[in-house]
Protein backbone atom coordinates (compact mmCIF):
# COMPACT_ATOMS: atom_id res chain seq x y z
CA GLU A 1 77.76 74.18 113.04
CA TYR A 2 79.55 75.45 116.16
CA HIS A 3 82.02 78.31 116.10
CA GLU A 4 84.27 76.68 118.71
CA VAL A 5 84.52 73.49 116.66
CA ARG A 6 85.48 75.47 113.54
CA LEU A 7 88.08 77.36 115.57
CA ALA A 8 89.56 74.11 116.92
CA ALA A 9 89.61 72.67 113.40
CA LEU A 10 91.40 75.75 112.00
CA LEU A 11 93.98 75.78 114.78
CA THR A 12 94.58 72.08 114.15
CA LEU A 13 94.97 72.80 110.44
CA VAL A 14 97.54 75.50 111.24
CA GLU A 15 99.52 72.97 113.31
CA ILE A 16 99.30 70.32 110.61
CA PHE A 17 100.48 72.88 108.06
CA ALA A 18 103.37 73.99 110.29
CA HIS A 19 104.55 70.39 110.59
CA GLY A 20 103.58 69.36 107.06
CA LYS A 21 105.98 68.72 104.27
CA ARG A 22 106.52 70.75 101.16
CA SER A 23 109.01 68.40 99.61
CA SER A 24 112.50 67.27 100.33
CA GLY A 25 115.19 65.33 98.64
CA ARG A 26 118.69 65.45 97.31
CA ALA A 27 119.80 67.03 94.07
CA GLY A 28 116.38 68.51 93.40
CA LYS A 29 114.53 65.21 93.66
CA THR A 30 111.19 65.43 95.37
CA GLU A 31 110.31 62.80 97.92
CA THR A 32 106.85 62.31 99.27
CA LYS A 33 106.66 62.23 103.04
CA PRO A 34 103.85 60.52 104.93
CA GLY A 35 101.16 62.77 106.38
CA MET A 36 99.34 65.79 105.08
CA LYS A 37 101.34 68.09 102.82
CA GLN A 38 101.19 71.85 103.12
CA GLN A 39 99.51 72.11 99.71
CA ASP A 40 96.73 69.83 101.00
CA CYS A 41 96.21 72.17 103.96
CA ILE A 42 96.02 75.22 101.68
CA ASP A 43 93.60 73.50 99.31
CA PHE A 44 91.40 72.45 102.23
CA TYR A 45 91.46 75.96 103.73
CA LEU A 46 90.51 77.65 100.46
CA ALA A 47 87.77 75.11 99.79
CA HIS A 48 86.15 75.92 103.14
CA THR A 49 86.30 79.72 103.39
CA ASP A 50 82.50 79.72 103.61
CA ARG A 51 82.92 78.24 107.11
CA ILE A 52 85.58 80.79 108.14
CA ASN A 53 82.99 83.34 109.08
CA ASN A 54 84.17 85.38 112.03
CA TRP A 55 87.08 87.74 112.64
CA ASP A 56 88.85 85.43 115.07
CA LEU A 57 88.64 82.48 112.67
CA VAL A 58 90.24 84.60 109.96
CA ASP A 59 92.85 86.29 112.14
CA LEU A 60 94.11 83.11 113.82
CA SER A 61 94.35 81.05 110.65
CA CYS A 62 95.07 82.99 107.47
CA TYR A 63 98.55 84.36 107.98
CA PRO A 64 100.06 81.20 109.51
CA LEU A 65 98.61 79.32 106.52
CA LEU A 66 98.26 81.50 103.41
CA GLY A 67 100.82 84.07 104.49
CA VAL A 68 103.50 81.47 105.12
CA TRP A 69 102.56 79.51 101.99
CA LEU A 70 102.78 82.58 99.77
CA LEU A 71 106.06 83.95 101.12
CA ASP A 72 107.93 82.60 98.09
CA LYS A 73 105.02 82.46 95.65
CA ASP A 74 102.82 84.68 93.53
CA ARG A 75 100.40 86.59 95.78
CA THR A 76 97.64 87.29 93.28
CA LEU A 77 95.30 85.10 95.33
CA LEU A 78 95.30 87.64 98.17
CA TYR A 79 94.53 90.52 95.82
CA ASP A 80 91.67 88.49 94.31
CA LEU A 81 90.27 87.71 97.76
CA ALA A 82 90.45 91.37 98.78
CA LYS A 83 88.87 92.59 95.55
CA ASN A 84 86.42 89.81 94.71
CA GLY A 85 85.88 87.89 97.93
CA LYS A 86 82.30 86.67 98.26
CA THR A 87 82.20 87.67 101.93
CA ILE A 88 83.88 90.22 104.17
CA TRP A 89 85.71 87.25 105.70
CA GLU A 90 87.36 86.33 102.40
CA GLN A 91 88.24 89.99 101.92
CA ARG A 92 89.68 90.11 105.43
CA ILE A 93 91.75 87.00 104.65
CA GLY A 94 93.25 88.99 101.77
CA ILE A 95 94.66 91.71 104.03
CA VAL A 96 95.37 89.80 107.26
CA SER A 97 97.43 87.18 105.42
CA THR A 98 99.98 89.92 104.74
CA MET A 99 101.00 89.83 108.43
CA THR A 100 103.53 87.14 107.53
CA PHE A 101 105.02 89.34 104.83
CA ILE A 102 105.30 92.25 107.27
CA ARG A 103 107.14 90.01 109.72
CA HIS A 104 109.61 89.28 106.93
CA GLY A 105 110.07 92.96 106.10
CA GLN A 106 107.93 92.80 102.94
CA LEU A 107 105.44 95.67 103.24
CA GLN A 108 104.33 96.50 99.71
CA ASP A 109 101.57 93.89 99.46
CA THR A 110 100.01 95.25 102.65
CA PHE A 111 99.92 98.76 101.21
CA ASP A 112 98.62 97.57 97.84
CA ILE A 113 95.84 95.45 99.34
CA ALA A 114 95.00 98.26 101.77
CA ASP A 115 94.35 100.41 98.69
CA ILE A 116 91.88 97.84 97.38
CA LEU A 117 90.00 97.91 100.70
CA LEU A 118 90.49 101.60 101.48
CA HIS A 119 86.85 102.57 101.04
CA HIS A 120 85.23 99.28 101.98
CA PRO A 121 81.90 99.85 103.73
CA HIS A 122 82.38 97.44 106.66
CA ASP A 123 83.96 98.41 109.98
CA LEU A 124 85.58 94.98 110.45
CA ILE A 125 87.54 95.56 107.27
CA HIS A 126 88.51 99.07 108.44
CA LYS A 127 89.87 97.58 111.67
CA ALA A 128 91.84 94.87 109.86
CA VAL A 129 93.36 97.27 107.33
CA GLY A 130 94.26 99.78 110.05
CA TRP A 131 95.80 97.02 112.16
CA LEU A 132 97.98 95.77 109.28
CA LEU A 133 99.01 99.31 108.36
CA ARG A 134 100.03 99.87 111.98
CA GLU A 135 102.07 96.64 111.92
CA ALA A 136 103.76 97.75 108.69
CA GLY A 137 104.51 101.09 110.35
CA LYS A 138 106.24 99.33 113.22
CA ARG A 139 108.69 97.95 110.66
CA ASP A 140 109.03 101.13 108.63
CA LYS A 141 107.30 104.23 109.95
CA GLU A 142 108.39 106.36 106.99
CA ALA A 143 106.77 103.90 104.55
CA LEU A 144 103.52 104.14 106.54
CA VAL A 145 103.66 107.94 106.59
CA GLN A 146 104.22 107.94 102.81
CA TYR A 147 101.24 105.63 102.41
CA LEU A 148 99.02 107.77 104.66
CA GLU A 149 100.01 111.13 103.23
CA PRO A 150 97.72 111.23 100.18
CA ARG A 151 94.99 109.06 101.79
CA TRP A 152 94.50 109.84 105.46
CA GLN A 153 91.86 112.55 105.02
CA THR A 154 89.56 110.24 103.07
CA MET A 155 90.17 106.93 104.82
CA PRO A 156 87.60 105.69 107.33
CA ARG A 157 88.32 107.09 110.81
CA THR A 158 88.55 103.65 112.43
CA MET A 159 91.15 102.59 109.87
CA LEU A 160 93.16 105.76 110.44
CA ARG A 161 92.89 105.48 114.21
CA TYR A 162 94.26 101.93 114.14
CA ALA A 163 97.01 102.86 111.65
CA VAL A 164 98.41 105.74 113.73
CA GLU A 165 97.82 104.18 117.14
CA LYS A 166 101.56 103.77 117.88
CA PHE A 167 102.57 107.23 116.69
CA PRO A 168 103.73 109.71 119.33
CA GLU A 169 100.67 111.38 120.88
CA ALA A 170 101.19 114.80 119.27
CA GLU A 171 101.66 113.31 115.80
CA ARG A 172 98.71 110.94 116.25
CA GLN A 173 96.47 113.84 117.29
CA LEU A 174 97.46 115.83 114.19
CA TYR A 175 96.12 113.04 112.00
CA LEU A 176 92.98 112.52 114.06
CA LYS A 177 92.02 116.18 114.54
CA LYS A 178 92.21 116.99 110.85
CA ALA A 179 90.44 113.84 109.68
């Protein structure tokens, strides 16, 4: 019922996940370790997205869980959440989870999911997409500029403002004045 309790539970889940076990063993044999496995944490998280219903709950939990989990897996889940999420929070999970990929130099999923959410009606999605675009641009400014070039005049202003926030002032103003 209480936001603070949900936040504490999610932060605890992130810690359990970080210290959980995928599998280990010699010569490809899988051994079960005591305690909660990472897959259990992911299953629990996805089964309870209806309770992850505020921006801070999403932003503090999804990329250390789903982002890390999906680093070496198929990422269709994030595209599905962005496109078909039942709530803006599920859709936000889809884009914010890509923070982990960005930190590993993998930017394409961020750009692709940003396209799905490009004309979303909600400001909290605009802020999240702009934030992740900005983070991608910190890794590869040219990739961000290439992404923005055909889109910046039609993207929501908040999204654009967040995306170009770290650009040099003159360059940032060029984007903002023409938008």
